[in-house]
Amino acid sequence: MRTGFGGLMTAAAMAGIFLLGAQPTPAQGTYRAPRAADGIHPDLNGIWEALNTANWDLQDHSPQAGPMWEMGAIGAEPAGQGVVEGGAIPYLPAALERRKQNFANRRTNDPEAKCYMPGIPRANYMPYPFQIVQSPKGILLVYEYASANRFVNMGKPQEAGSDTWMGTNNGHWEGETLVVDVTGLNGLAWFDRVGDFASDKLHVVERYTRADHDHLNYEATLEDPSVFSRPWKISMPLYRRVEIGAQLLEFKCVEFAEELLYGQYKKK
């Protein structure tokens, strides 16, 4: 009887967990965020962070040894659920071969390992917080990783003068959603640690929507006809850092990458 009762209790507990997991999150459009200083648009100010494994791999993935296999389980890749709508990134055949080469050389070729700027959209789901500072004329996004930042122009759209890691960012509001159109990317950034990538023809359209007080819904649609067979989208929640005294700290990682980048040139 004790075993049977325990089994029933375990089953009931598991059912409760599944039911809890099935509870709907606030639907987009049903929550009205506090207004920003202009009294018109949603207030997106705050420190936000993604809590997922997208920086390891945007697609569904099983646990495996990471590129720093000498670190054992510390450097291993955790299992994770993908954030790509439809499951798979629609690579063209030649681009898929390059992605495989990126994976094989990820230990040394991942721009994250070299402390290069993270690019868009990767900056938003790296395992570091970032801060949104909002004003009527523009919105500043400041990232803890490598002190990266970008300015979203909310005025007349501007064309990219040159290609950069973080691109040229033009924004506008669609109801409760901030839409950011990103062009002028240099094509050097990866999307994750397994080598997903695009070229300098990449065009990204991001959407930030307050889901409730402590969550943003983040979406990014990516288009690059030289790499992908069609546009594709990622989506995820971003979580507000609510601890007392929450702030961005410095992670200026250049000094940590010097041996990787230049160690081969040391005098023996």
Protein backbone atom coordinates (compact mmCIF):
# COMPACT_ATOMS: atom_id res chain seq x y z
CA MET A 1 0.00 0.00 0.00
CA ARG A 2 2.83 2.41 0.85
CA THR A 3 4.45 1.87 -2.54
CA GLY A 4 1.15 2.24 -4.32
CA PHE A 5 0.27 5.43 -2.43
CA GLY A 6 3.71 6.84 -3.14
CA GLY A 7 3.27 6.10 -6.81
CA LEU A 8 -0.09 7.84 -6.82
CA MET A 9 1.38 10.86 -5.06
CA THR A 10 4.25 10.99 -7.54
CA ALA A 11 1.84 10.76 -10.46
CA ALA A 12 -0.33 13.48 -8.96
CA ALA A 13 2.67 15.71 -8.41
CA MET A 14 3.85 15.18 -11.97
CA ALA A 15 0.39 15.95 -13.27
CA GLY A 16 0.43 19.15 -11.26
CA ILE A 17 3.78 20.09 -12.76
CA PHE A 18 2.51 19.48 -16.28
CA LEU A 19 -0.64 21.47 -15.58
CA LEU A 20 1.42 24.29 -14.11
CA GLY A 21 3.66 24.29 -17.15
CA ALA A 22 0.59 24.47 -19.38
CA GLN A 23 -0.69 27.66 -17.78
CA PRO A 24 -0.88 30.41 -20.39
CA THR A 25 1.54 33.30 -20.22
CA PRO A 26 0.20 36.82 -20.70
CA ALA A 27 -0.93 37.06 -24.30
CA GLN A 28 0.53 39.74 -26.49
CA GLY A 29 -1.96 42.57 -26.71
CA THR A 30 -3.71 41.86 -23.38
CA TYR A 31 -1.18 43.67 -21.18
CA ARG A 32 -0.81 47.44 -21.24
CA ALA A 33 2.62 48.44 -20.04
CA PRO A 34 3.35 51.55 -17.98
CA ARG A 35 3.99 54.57 -20.20
CA ALA A 36 7.44 55.98 -20.86
CA ALA A 37 8.42 59.58 -20.19
CA ASP A 38 6.54 60.73 -23.29
CA GLY A 39 3.30 59.39 -21.80
CA ILE A 40 2.48 57.62 -25.06
CA HIS A 41 4.66 54.58 -25.65
CA PRO A 42 5.38 51.53 -23.46
CA ASP A 43 8.22 51.86 -20.99
CA LEU A 44 10.93 49.31 -21.90
CA ASN A 45 13.55 50.71 -19.52
CA GLY A 46 15.31 48.14 -17.39
CA ILE A 47 17.96 45.45 -17.24
CA TRP A 48 16.96 42.33 -19.16
CA GLU A 49 18.43 38.90 -19.76
CA ALA A 50 17.59 35.74 -21.72
CA LEU A 51 17.47 32.51 -19.71
CA ASN A 52 17.90 29.81 -22.32
CA THR A 53 20.58 27.96 -24.28
CA ALA A 54 20.21 29.90 -27.54
CA ASN A 55 23.78 31.18 -27.32
CA TRP A 56 24.94 27.57 -27.43
CA ASP A 57 22.66 26.59 -30.31
CA LEU A 58 19.53 28.26 -31.73
CA GLN A 59 18.07 24.89 -32.69
CA ASP A 60 17.05 21.91 -30.55
CA HIS A 61 20.17 20.23 -29.20
CA SER A 62 21.27 17.38 -26.95
CA PRO A 63 24.04 17.73 -24.38
CA GLN A 64 27.54 17.21 -25.74
CA ALA A 65 31.14 18.06 -25.02
CA GLY A 66 31.87 21.72 -25.68
CA PRO A 67 34.86 23.07 -27.59
CA MET A 68 36.83 23.34 -24.33
CA TRP A 69 36.63 19.61 -23.66
CA GLU A 70 39.57 19.80 -21.21
CA MET A 71 37.18 21.48 -18.75
CA GLY A 72 35.01 18.36 -18.55
CA ALA A 73 31.44 18.95 -17.52
CA ILE A 74 32.16 22.64 -16.80
CA GLY A 75 32.70 23.29 -20.49
CA ALA A 76 30.00 20.93 -21.77
CA GLU A 77 27.03 22.12 -23.82
CA PRO A 78 23.69 21.68 -21.98
CA ALA A 79 20.63 20.32 -23.72
CA GLY A 80 18.20 22.96 -24.91
CA GLN A 81 14.99 23.63 -26.75
CA GLY A 82 15.31 25.59 -29.97
CA VAL A 83 14.03 29.12 -30.49
CA VAL A 84 13.71 28.87 -34.29
CA GLU A 85 10.16 28.96 -35.59
CA GLY A 86 9.59 25.69 -37.47
CA GLY A 87 12.63 24.08 -35.83
CA ALA A 88 15.35 24.31 -38.49
CA ILE A 89 17.34 27.18 -39.99
CA PRO A 90 16.70 27.09 -43.78
CA TYR A 91 20.30 27.09 -45.05
CA LEU A 92 21.19 26.92 -48.71
CA PRO A 93 23.37 23.82 -49.41
CA ALA A 94 26.67 25.69 -49.75
CA ALA A 95 25.98 27.72 -46.61
CA LEU A 96 25.18 24.55 -44.67
CA GLU A 97 28.63 23.21 -45.56
CA ARG A 98 30.22 26.38 -44.22
CA ARG A 99 28.19 26.04 -41.04
CA LYS A 100 29.66 22.56 -40.60
CA GLN A 101 33.15 24.00 -41.02
CA ASN A 102 32.36 26.68 -38.44
CA PHE A 103 31.32 23.97 -35.99
CA ALA A 104 34.50 21.99 -36.57
CA ASN A 105 36.61 25.11 -35.86
CA ARG A 106 34.42 26.70 -33.20
CA ARG A 107 37.09 26.47 -30.50
CA THR A 108 39.17 29.20 -32.15
CA ASN A 109 36.88 30.81 -34.73
CA ASP A 110 33.83 31.74 -32.67
CA PRO A 111 33.83 35.57 -32.46
CA GLU A 112 32.63 35.28 -28.85
CA ALA A 113 35.88 33.54 -27.90
CA LYS A 114 37.82 36.43 -29.44
CA CYS A 115 35.84 39.12 -27.57
CA TYR A 116 34.54 40.59 -30.82
CA MET A 117 31.23 42.46 -30.83
CA PRO A 118 28.32 39.98 -30.64
CA GLY A 119 26.24 41.26 -33.55
CA ILE A 120 22.47 41.14 -33.91
CA PRO A 121 20.50 39.19 -32.78
CA ARG A 122 23.10 37.31 -30.69
CA ALA A 123 23.73 40.23 -28.35
CA ASN A 124 20.25 39.80 -26.88
CA TYR A 125 20.54 36.16 -25.77
CA MET A 126 24.12 35.82 -24.64
CA PRO A 127 24.41 34.79 -20.97
CA TYR A 128 24.92 38.39 -19.86
CA PRO A 129 22.37 41.10 -19.01
CA PHE A 130 21.77 44.19 -21.11
CA GLN A 131 20.08 47.48 -20.37
CA ILE A 132 17.49 49.44 -22.33
CA VAL A 133 17.60 53.22 -21.87
CA GLN A 134 14.64 54.84 -23.57
CA SER A 135 14.00 58.39 -24.73
CA PRO A 136 11.62 59.87 -27.34
CA LYS A 137 14.42 60.52 -29.84
CA GLY A 138 16.25 57.26 -29.50
CA ILE A 139 16.72 54.08 -27.53
CA LEU A 140 20.11 52.92 -26.27
CA LEU A 141 20.86 49.22 -25.71
CA VAL A 142 23.95 48.61 -23.59
CA TYR A 143 25.36 45.10 -23.24
CA GLU A 144 27.53 43.76 -20.45
CA TYR A 145 29.47 41.50 -22.83
CA ALA A 146 32.48 43.37 -24.24
CA SER A 147 30.83 46.72 -23.38
CA ALA A 148 28.90 46.46 -26.66
CA ASN A 149 26.13 48.95 -27.36
CA ARG A 150 23.88 50.26 -30.12
CA PHE A 151 21.62 53.23 -30.64
CA VAL A 152 18.15 52.81 -32.13
CA ASN A 153 17.22 55.91 -34.11
CA MET A 154 13.53 56.71 -33.58
CA GLY A 155 13.47 59.63 -36.03
CA LYS A 156 13.72 59.67 -39.80
CA PRO A 157 15.24 56.35 -40.94
CA GLN A 158 18.93 56.51 -41.76
CA GLU A 159 20.79 54.39 -44.28
CA ALA A 160 23.86 52.47 -43.19
CA GLY A 161 26.98 54.46 -43.98
CA SER A 162 29.21 51.42 -43.53
CA ASP A 163 28.97 47.86 -42.29
CA THR A 164 29.55 47.29 -38.56
CA TRP A 165 29.19 44.52 -36.00
CA MET A 166 26.04 46.02 -34.43
CA GLY A 167 24.54 47.48 -37.61
CA THR A 168 22.47 50.57 -38.30
CA ASN A 169 19.30 50.49 -36.20
CA ASN A 170 16.09 52.34 -37.11
CA GLY A 171 13.07 51.97 -34.87
CA HIS A 172 9.37 52.73 -34.81
CA TRP A 173 6.35 51.77 -32.75
CA GLU A 174 3.56 49.46 -33.86
CA GLY A 175 1.06 49.80 -31.05
CA GLU A 176 2.68 48.31 -27.94
CA THR A 177 5.61 46.86 -29.87
CA LEU A 178 8.99 48.43 -30.57
CA VAL A 179 10.13 47.39 -34.06
CA VAL A 180 13.85 47.74 -34.88
CA ASP A 181 15.06 47.42 -38.47
CA VAL A 182 18.74 46.45 -38.56
CA THR A 183 20.88 46.74 -41.69
CA GLY A 184 24.55 47.42 -42.39
CA LEU A 185 25.82 44.34 -40.54
CA ASN A 186 29.32 43.20 -41.46
CA GLY A 187 28.60 39.47 -41.68
CA LEU A 188 31.41 38.53 -39.28
CA ALA A 189 29.25 37.64 -36.27
CA TRP A 190 27.94 34.16 -35.49
CA PHE A 191 24.48 33.52 -34.07
CA ASP A 192 25.63 30.91 -31.54
CA ARG A 193 28.54 28.71 -30.46
CA VAL A 194 27.88 25.96 -33.01
CA GLY A 195 28.62 28.27 -35.92
CA ASP A 196 25.26 29.44 -37.28
CA PHE A 197 25.96 32.52 -39.36
CA ALA A 198 24.89 34.96 -42.08
CA SER A 199 26.63 37.26 -44.55
CA ASP A 200 26.88 41.04 -44.81
CA LYS A 201 23.56 40.93 -46.69
CA LEU A 202 21.73 40.06 -43.47
CA HIS A 203 18.61 42.07 -42.69
CA VAL A 204 17.11 41.70 -39.21
CA VAL A 205 13.75 43.01 -37.98
CA GLU A 206 13.35 42.83 -34.20
CA ARG A 207 10.17 43.18 -32.16
CA TYR A 208 10.12 43.98 -28.41
CA THR A 209 6.78 43.73 -26.61
CA ARG A 210 6.11 44.00 -22.88
CA ALA A 211 4.31 40.79 -21.84
CA ASP A 212 3.94 41.85 -18.21
CA HIS A 213 5.89 43.84 -15.64
CA ASP A 214 8.97 41.60 -15.69
CA HIS A 215 8.98 40.04 -19.17
CA LEU A 216 9.59 41.19 -22.73
CA ASN A 217 8.60 39.09 -25.72
CA TYR A 218 11.49 39.23 -28.19
CA GLU A 219 11.24 38.24 -31.84
CA ALA A 220 13.73 38.60 -34.68
CA THR A 221 13.08 37.85 -38.35
CA LEU A 222 16.26 37.19 -40.34
CA GLU A 223 16.63 37.45 -44.10
CA ASP A 224 19.76 36.81 -46.17
CA PRO A 225 19.17 35.40 -49.67
CA SER A 226 22.85 34.49 -50.07
CA VAL A 227 22.72 32.13 -47.06
CA PHE A 228 19.09 31.15 -46.43
CA SER A 229 16.35 29.86 -48.73
CA ARG A 230 13.73 32.03 -47.03
CA PRO A 231 13.32 34.44 -44.10
CA TRP A 232 13.09 32.76 -40.69
CA LYS A 233 12.29 33.83 -37.15
CA ILE A 234 13.43 33.30 -33.59
CA SER A 235 11.43 34.19 -30.47
CA MET A 236 11.97 34.04 -26.72
CA PRO A 237 11.10 35.81 -23.47
CA LEU A 238 13.53 38.24 -21.87
CA TYR A 239 13.46 38.52 -18.09
CA ARG A 240 13.88 41.65 -16.00
CA ARG A 241 16.64 41.61 -13.40
CA VAL A 242 14.74 42.50 -10.26
CA GLU A 243 17.30 42.02 -7.49
CA ILE A 244 18.07 45.03 -5.31
CA GLY A 245 20.82 47.12 -6.82
CA ALA A 246 20.70 45.35 -10.20
CA GLN A 247 23.16 46.95 -12.59
CA LEU A 248 25.43 46.14 -15.51
CA LEU A 249 28.95 45.22 -14.49
CA GLU A 250 32.04 45.41 -16.67
CA PHE A 251 33.07 42.45 -18.77
CA LYS A 252 35.83 43.89 -20.92
CA CYS A 253 37.09 40.61 -22.24
CA VAL A 254 39.89 41.70 -24.59
CA GLU A 255 42.62 40.70 -22.15
CA PHE A 256 41.11 37.21 -21.81
CA ALA A 257 41.32 36.70 -25.59
CA GLU A 258 44.90 37.87 -26.11
CA GLU A 259 46.46 34.43 -25.70
CA LEU A 260 43.98 32.89 -28.13
CA LEU A 261 44.55 35.61 -30.71
CA TYR A 262 48.26 36.28 -30.37
CA GLY A 263 49.82 33.46 -28.34
CA GLN A 264 51.21 31.84 -31.48
CA TYR A 265 53.37 34.91 -32.08
CA LYS A 266 55.19 34.72 -28.74
CA LYS A 267 58.93 34.36 -28.84
CA LYS A 268 59.92 30.86 -27.83
